[in-house]
Amino acid sequence: MKIQSSFWFVLSLFLAIGFVSCDDDDPVTPEPETITEIAAADAQFSTLVSALTRTGLDQTLNGGGSFTVFAPTNDAFAKLGVDLSTLTDEALTEILLYHVLGAEIKAGEISDGQTYVTTAAETAPGNRALSMLIEKSASGVAINGNVNVTATDIDATNGVIHVVDAVIMPMDVVNHAIANSNFTSLVGALSSASGDLVNVLSGTGPFTVFAPLNSAFDEISSVTATLSNDQLRDVLTYHVAAGNVTASELTNGDVVTVNGAKFTVTLGTDVILTDEQGNESKVILTDVQATNGIIHVIDKVIIPVL
């Protein structure tokens, strides 16, 4: 009996030690981390973290809230070819905030096709927030036409990180048109018309641009083919008004364009533009905010009396 008792004592001791050892070998669950903490722990984001620290945005992205951050890698910053130390703190802050959305958006929540979103960069005329174009297709997600999302859904306690292969730069009204494949006809016309309109509309502004889709130009291809470069300039500048006029600021009545001619705005279920020849165009998308103005998308080309 003494031998048997000793056996059970040793067995019990062995099992107890075994359970303790198993507990020691259990994987340790990592503490939840903020966006800043995740970026700081990943060597591929060292340039981004340095920029965030310099501007104080590391504290913003380390605090409460719900953010989506499109995070450029070190290679992305190198590809930009800009020495960040030459930028003012204000300019660097604008670029960094242009990579941030004020709500968490997972990859699965991004809609197919094109979507404009509002960034945290509130540096547009009137301190309005700049817009960004997100395009989701079978080949992946692209930002502003030429920046690719390479990794998605890195979860943080205060939002989510998506990795991008280039720095996303704030854009003026011309570059917004260039970035969107639905405006290739408009961009081509701006380049062909007299008056150096690409450079003019890349200037300080601000401008309000009523931008026709490719399909709108297709409908009047027989007309545009007969226009001189000066007449094409007059048609294009007929789509531009001075100021940064948002959709909520549009009113019924005449709008004087930068070429001196007028069209009429009628507010209702739809916003309708009526040109000098009585033709109507519908506003189908509003408030694409650029650095030097705002774009409203229309479904028809409006034409002044030439």
Protein backbone atom coordinates (compact mmCIF):
# COMPACT_ATOMS: atom_id res chain seq x y z
CA MET A 1 0.00 0.00 0.00
CA LYS A 2 2.89 2.33 0.72
CA ILE A 3 4.32 1.68 -2.70
CA GLN A 4 0.95 2.31 -4.37
CA SER A 5 0.45 5.54 -2.39
CA SER A 6 3.86 6.76 -3.46
CA PHE A 7 3.03 5.96 -7.07
CA TRP A 8 -0.16 8.06 -7.00
CA PHE A 9 1.70 10.92 -5.31
CA VAL A 10 4.37 10.99 -8.01
CA LEU A 11 1.73 10.72 -10.76
CA SER A 12 -0.26 13.59 -9.29
CA LEU A 13 2.89 15.72 -9.04
CA PHE A 14 3.80 14.94 -12.66
CA LEU A 15 0.33 15.90 -13.90
CA ALA A 16 0.40 19.14 -11.93
CA ILE A 17 3.78 20.05 -13.41
CA GLY A 18 2.48 19.09 -16.84
CA PHE A 19 -0.53 21.40 -16.54
CA VAL A 20 1.69 24.26 -15.42
CA SER A 21 4.02 23.67 -18.37
CA CYS A 22 1.09 23.64 -20.81
CA ASP A 23 -0.11 26.94 -19.38
CA ASP A 24 3.36 28.43 -19.84
CA ASP A 25 3.45 27.31 -23.49
CA ASP A 26 0.09 28.89 -24.40
CA PRO A 27 0.48 31.65 -27.00
CA VAL A 28 0.24 35.16 -25.61
CA THR A 29 -2.52 37.22 -27.20
CA PRO A 30 -1.02 40.52 -28.34
CA GLU A 31 -2.47 43.71 -26.98
CA PRO A 32 -4.67 45.62 -29.47
CA GLU A 33 -2.70 48.40 -31.18
CA THR A 34 -3.55 51.77 -32.69
CA ILE A 35 -2.79 52.78 -36.27
CA THR A 36 0.32 54.65 -35.15
CA GLU A 37 1.56 51.72 -33.07
CA ILE A 38 1.09 49.27 -35.96
CA ALA A 39 2.93 51.55 -38.39
CA ALA A 40 5.74 52.21 -35.90
CA ALA A 41 6.29 48.47 -35.46
CA ASP A 42 6.58 47.83 -39.22
CA ALA A 43 9.89 48.83 -40.84
CA GLN A 44 8.28 49.41 -44.25
CA PHE A 45 6.44 52.44 -42.81
CA SER A 46 9.41 54.21 -41.20
CA THR A 47 9.23 57.20 -43.56
CA LEU A 48 5.50 57.52 -42.96
CA VAL A 49 5.96 57.35 -39.19
CA SER A 50 8.69 60.02 -39.29
CA ALA A 51 6.38 62.30 -41.28
CA LEU A 52 3.47 61.66 -38.91
CA THR A 53 5.69 62.40 -35.90
CA ARG A 54 7.02 65.62 -37.43
CA THR A 55 3.50 66.96 -38.02
CA GLY A 56 2.00 65.67 -34.77
CA LEU A 57 -0.41 63.42 -36.64
CA ASP A 58 1.08 60.39 -34.91
CA GLN A 59 -0.85 61.49 -31.80
CA THR A 60 -4.07 61.87 -33.78
CA LEU A 61 -3.78 58.36 -35.19
CA ASN A 62 -2.80 57.04 -31.78
CA GLY A 63 -5.96 58.33 -30.15
CA GLY A 64 -9.63 57.62 -30.26
CA GLY A 65 -11.73 57.75 -33.37
CA SER A 66 -12.37 55.64 -36.39
CA PHE A 67 -10.03 56.10 -39.36
CA THR A 68 -9.11 54.56 -42.67
CA VAL A 69 -5.46 55.15 -43.57
CA PHE A 70 -4.01 54.47 -47.00
CA ALA A 71 -0.42 53.93 -45.87
CA PRO A 72 2.45 54.51 -48.34
CA THR A 73 5.51 52.33 -47.87
CA ASN A 74 9.08 53.63 -47.79
CA ASP A 75 9.38 52.65 -51.46
CA ALA A 76 6.29 54.71 -52.23
CA PHE A 77 7.86 57.80 -50.69
CA ALA A 78 11.11 57.12 -52.56
CA LYS A 79 9.17 56.87 -55.82
CA LEU A 80 7.65 60.28 -55.15
CA GLY A 81 11.13 61.75 -55.54
CA VAL A 82 10.52 64.60 -53.10
CA ASP A 83 12.74 65.42 -50.15
CA LEU A 84 10.14 65.72 -47.40
CA SER A 85 12.45 68.01 -45.41
CA THR A 86 11.97 70.67 -48.10
CA LEU A 87 8.20 70.74 -47.53
CA THR A 88 6.62 73.06 -45.00
CA ASP A 89 4.81 71.43 -42.10
CA GLU A 90 1.54 72.69 -43.59
CA ALA A 91 2.22 71.11 -46.99
CA LEU A 92 3.30 67.82 -45.45
CA THR A 93 0.25 67.78 -43.19
CA GLU A 94 -2.04 68.28 -46.20
CA ILE A 95 -0.42 65.33 -48.02
CA LEU A 96 -0.64 63.05 -44.99
CA LEU A 97 -4.25 63.94 -44.19
CA TYR A 98 -5.13 63.27 -47.83
CA HIS A 99 -4.40 59.60 -47.03
CA VAL A 100 -6.91 59.56 -44.15
CA LEU A 101 -10.67 59.07 -44.14
CA GLY A 102 -12.74 59.92 -41.07
CA ALA A 103 -14.44 56.52 -40.88
CA GLU A 104 -13.35 52.90 -41.00
CA ILE A 105 -13.88 51.35 -44.43
CA LYS A 106 -12.87 47.72 -44.90
CA ALA A 107 -11.96 46.41 -48.35
CA GLY A 108 -15.24 44.50 -48.60
CA GLU A 109 -17.18 47.71 -48.02
CA ILE A 110 -15.70 49.46 -51.06
CA SER A 111 -18.25 49.46 -53.87
CA ASP A 112 -17.44 48.16 -57.33
CA GLY A 113 -16.73 50.89 -59.86
CA GLN A 114 -15.92 54.49 -59.00
CA THR A 115 -16.61 56.19 -55.69
CA TYR A 116 -15.58 59.64 -54.52
CA VAL A 117 -14.80 59.89 -50.82
CA THR A 118 -14.05 62.83 -48.53
CA THR A 119 -10.58 62.91 -46.98
CA ALA A 120 -9.39 64.53 -43.78
CA ALA A 121 -7.41 67.17 -45.72
CA GLU A 122 -9.50 70.32 -45.22
CA THR A 123 -7.34 72.56 -47.39
CA ALA A 124 -9.65 73.32 -50.34
CA PRO A 125 -11.11 76.81 -50.84
CA GLY A 126 -13.25 77.69 -47.84
CA ASN A 127 -11.42 75.04 -45.78
CA ARG A 128 -13.46 72.32 -47.42
CA ALA A 129 -12.26 68.72 -47.41
CA LEU A 130 -10.57 67.36 -50.52
CA SER A 131 -12.08 64.50 -52.52
CA MET A 132 -10.40 61.24 -53.51
CA LEU A 133 -11.42 58.79 -56.25
CA ILE A 134 -11.52 55.11 -55.30
CA GLU A 135 -12.00 52.64 -58.14
CA LYS A 136 -12.62 48.94 -57.51
CA SER A 137 -12.39 46.46 -60.38
CA ALA A 138 -11.52 42.83 -60.96
CA SER A 139 -7.84 43.79 -60.95
CA GLY A 140 -7.98 45.44 -57.53
CA VAL A 141 -8.45 48.86 -55.96
CA ALA A 142 -6.89 52.03 -57.38
CA ILE A 143 -6.77 55.52 -55.88
CA ASN A 144 -6.99 58.59 -58.11
CA GLY A 145 -6.36 56.50 -61.18
CA ASN A 146 -2.72 55.52 -60.62
CA VAL A 147 -2.10 54.47 -56.99
CA ASN A 148 -2.64 50.79 -56.23
CA VAL A 149 -3.76 49.24 -52.96
CA THR A 150 -1.38 46.34 -52.33
CA ALA A 151 -2.62 45.05 -48.95
CA THR A 152 -5.88 45.57 -47.10
CA ASP A 153 -7.63 45.34 -43.76
CA ILE A 154 -4.80 45.69 -41.25
CA ASP A 155 -7.00 46.09 -38.19
CA ALA A 156 -6.27 48.62 -35.47
CA THR A 157 -8.15 49.65 -32.35
CA ASN A 158 -9.03 52.97 -33.98
CA GLY A 159 -9.56 51.98 -37.60
CA VAL A 160 -7.98 50.13 -40.48
CA ILE A 161 -4.87 50.40 -42.66
CA HIS A 162 -4.66 49.68 -46.39
CA VAL A 163 -1.18 49.71 -47.93
CA VAL A 164 -0.57 51.69 -51.14
CA ASP A 165 2.34 51.64 -53.60
CA ALA A 166 2.59 55.41 -54.12
CA VAL A 167 2.04 58.63 -52.22
CA ILE A 168 -1.44 60.01 -53.00
CA MET A 169 -1.10 63.68 -53.89
CA PRO A 170 -3.92 66.24 -53.59
CA MET A 171 -5.20 67.22 -57.05
CA ASP A 172 -6.48 70.31 -58.83
CA VAL A 173 -9.54 70.21 -61.11
CA VAL A 174 -7.49 69.26 -64.19
CA ASN A 175 -5.76 66.34 -62.49
CA HIS A 176 -9.08 65.14 -61.10
CA ALA A 177 -10.36 65.01 -64.69
CA ILE A 178 -7.21 63.20 -65.82
CA ALA A 179 -7.58 60.64 -63.02
CA ASN A 180 -11.11 59.67 -64.05
CA SER A 181 -11.48 57.52 -67.19
CA ASN A 182 -14.96 58.99 -67.74
CA PHE A 183 -13.41 62.37 -68.61
CA THR A 184 -10.91 61.43 -71.33
CA SER A 185 -12.88 63.36 -73.97
CA LEU A 186 -12.96 66.45 -71.76
CA VAL A 187 -9.23 66.22 -71.11
CA GLY A 188 -8.53 65.78 -74.81
CA ALA A 189 -10.67 68.80 -75.65
CA LEU A 190 -8.90 70.95 -73.05
CA SER A 191 -5.58 70.06 -74.66
CA SER A 192 -6.84 70.76 -78.20
CA ALA A 193 -8.60 74.07 -77.57
CA SER A 194 -6.85 77.39 -77.83
CA GLY A 195 -6.17 79.44 -74.72
CA ASP A 196 -3.88 76.98 -72.88
CA LEU A 197 -6.86 75.81 -70.81
CA VAL A 198 -4.97 73.02 -69.05
CA ASN A 199 -2.60 75.52 -67.48
CA VAL A 200 -5.36 78.05 -66.82
CA LEU A 201 -7.49 75.50 -64.95
CA SER A 202 -4.42 74.31 -63.05
CA GLY A 203 -4.02 77.81 -61.65
CA THR A 204 -5.09 79.28 -58.35
CA GLY A 205 -8.77 79.67 -59.16
CA PRO A 206 -11.03 78.83 -57.54
CA PHE A 207 -13.16 77.39 -60.33
CA THR A 208 -16.51 75.65 -60.48
CA VAL A 209 -16.43 73.18 -63.35
CA PHE A 210 -19.49 71.47 -64.83
CA ALA A 211 -17.74 68.47 -66.38
CA PRO A 212 -19.41 66.50 -69.21
CA LEU A 213 -18.91 62.73 -69.38
CA ASN A 214 -17.36 61.00 -72.39
CA SER A 215 -20.86 59.96 -73.46
CA ALA A 216 -21.87 63.62 -73.56
CA PHE A 217 -19.09 64.42 -76.01
CA ASP A 218 -19.95 61.31 -78.05
CA GLU A 219 -23.47 62.67 -78.57
CA ILE A 220 -22.17 65.85 -80.20
CA SER A 221 -19.13 64.42 -81.97
CA SER A 222 -20.45 65.64 -85.32
CA VAL A 223 -20.67 69.17 -83.89
CA THR A 224 -17.28 69.28 -82.18
CA ALA A 225 -15.63 67.99 -85.36
CA THR A 226 -16.63 71.24 -87.09
CA LEU A 227 -15.45 73.61 -84.34
CA SER A 228 -12.31 75.69 -84.61
CA ASN A 229 -9.91 75.66 -81.67
CA ASP A 230 -11.24 79.05 -80.61
CA GLN A 231 -14.84 77.84 -80.74
CA LEU A 232 -13.88 74.73 -78.76
CA ARG A 233 -12.31 77.03 -76.17
CA ASP A 234 -15.57 78.98 -75.96
CA VAL A 235 -17.57 75.77 -75.44
CA LEU A 236 -15.25 74.50 -72.71
CA THR A 237 -15.03 77.78 -70.82
CA TYR A 238 -18.84 77.90 -70.95
CA HIS A 239 -18.67 75.02 -68.45
CA VAL A 240 -16.59 77.01 -65.94
CA ALA A 241 -17.69 79.64 -63.43
CA ALA A 242 -15.65 81.61 -60.93
CA GLY A 243 -15.61 80.53 -57.28
CA ASN A 244 -15.94 77.25 -55.41
CA VAL A 245 -19.71 76.80 -55.58
CA THR A 246 -20.95 73.65 -53.87
CA ALA A 247 -24.22 71.91 -54.75
CA SER A 248 -25.89 73.37 -51.67
CA GLU A 249 -24.90 76.86 -52.81
CA LEU A 250 -26.44 76.56 -56.28
CA THR A 251 -29.51 78.74 -56.77
CA ASN A 252 -32.16 79.14 -59.44
CA GLY A 253 -31.20 81.61 -62.14
CA ASP A 254 -28.43 82.57 -64.49
CA VAL A 255 -24.78 81.66 -64.04
CA VAL A 256 -22.19 83.86 -65.69
CA THR A 257 -19.34 81.70 -66.99
CA VAL A 258 -15.70 82.68 -67.41
CA ASN A 259 -16.25 83.31 -71.14
CA GLY A 260 -18.94 85.89 -70.37
CA ALA A 261 -21.92 83.87 -71.59
CA LYS A 262 -24.70 82.60 -69.30
CA PHE A 263 -26.58 79.38 -68.67
CA THR A 264 -29.59 78.89 -66.40
CA VAL A 265 -29.80 76.67 -63.33
CA THR A 266 -33.15 75.15 -62.38
CA LEU A 267 -33.36 73.36 -59.04
CA GLY A 268 -35.84 70.55 -58.43
CA THR A 269 -35.77 66.79 -58.17
CA ASP A 270 -32.82 67.14 -60.53
CA VAL A 271 -30.52 70.08 -61.10
CA ILE A 272 -30.89 71.15 -64.73
CA LEU A 273 -28.63 73.45 -66.73
CA THR A 274 -30.18 75.14 -69.76
CA ASP A 275 -27.77 76.62 -72.31
CA GLU A 276 -28.25 79.64 -74.55
CA GLN A 277 -29.67 77.42 -77.29
CA GLY A 278 -32.33 75.88 -75.02
CA ASN A 279 -30.58 72.51 -74.62
CA GLU A 280 -30.71 70.91 -71.18
CA SER A 281 -28.13 68.98 -69.18
CA LYS A 282 -28.65 67.18 -65.88
CA VAL A 283 -26.20 67.30 -62.99
CA ILE A 284 -25.58 63.66 -62.06
CA LEU A 285 -22.78 63.98 -59.47
CA THR A 286 -21.80 66.91 -57.30
CA ASP A 287 -19.05 68.26 -55.07
CA VAL A 288 -15.87 66.59 -56.28
CA GLN A 289 -13.59 68.89 -54.32
CA ALA A 290 -10.16 69.76 -55.73
CA THR A 291 -7.40 71.99 -54.39
CA ASN A 292 -8.39 74.89 -56.65
CA GLY A 293 -12.10 74.40 -57.17
CA ILE A 294 -14.98 71.99 -57.40
CA ILE A 295 -16.41 69.70 -60.08
CA HIS A 296 -20.05 68.84 -60.78
CA VAL A 297 -20.61 66.12 -63.38
CA ILE A 298 -23.20 66.64 -66.15
CA ASP A 299 -24.67 64.29 -68.74
CA LYS A 300 -24.76 66.68 -71.74
CA VAL A 301 -22.41 69.26 -73.21
CA ILE A 302 -23.87 72.76 -72.93
CA ILE A 303 -23.12 75.09 -75.84
CA PRO A 304 -23.23 78.89 -75.99
CA VAL A 305 -24.18 80.86 -79.03
CA LEU A 306 -21.00 80.70 -81.12
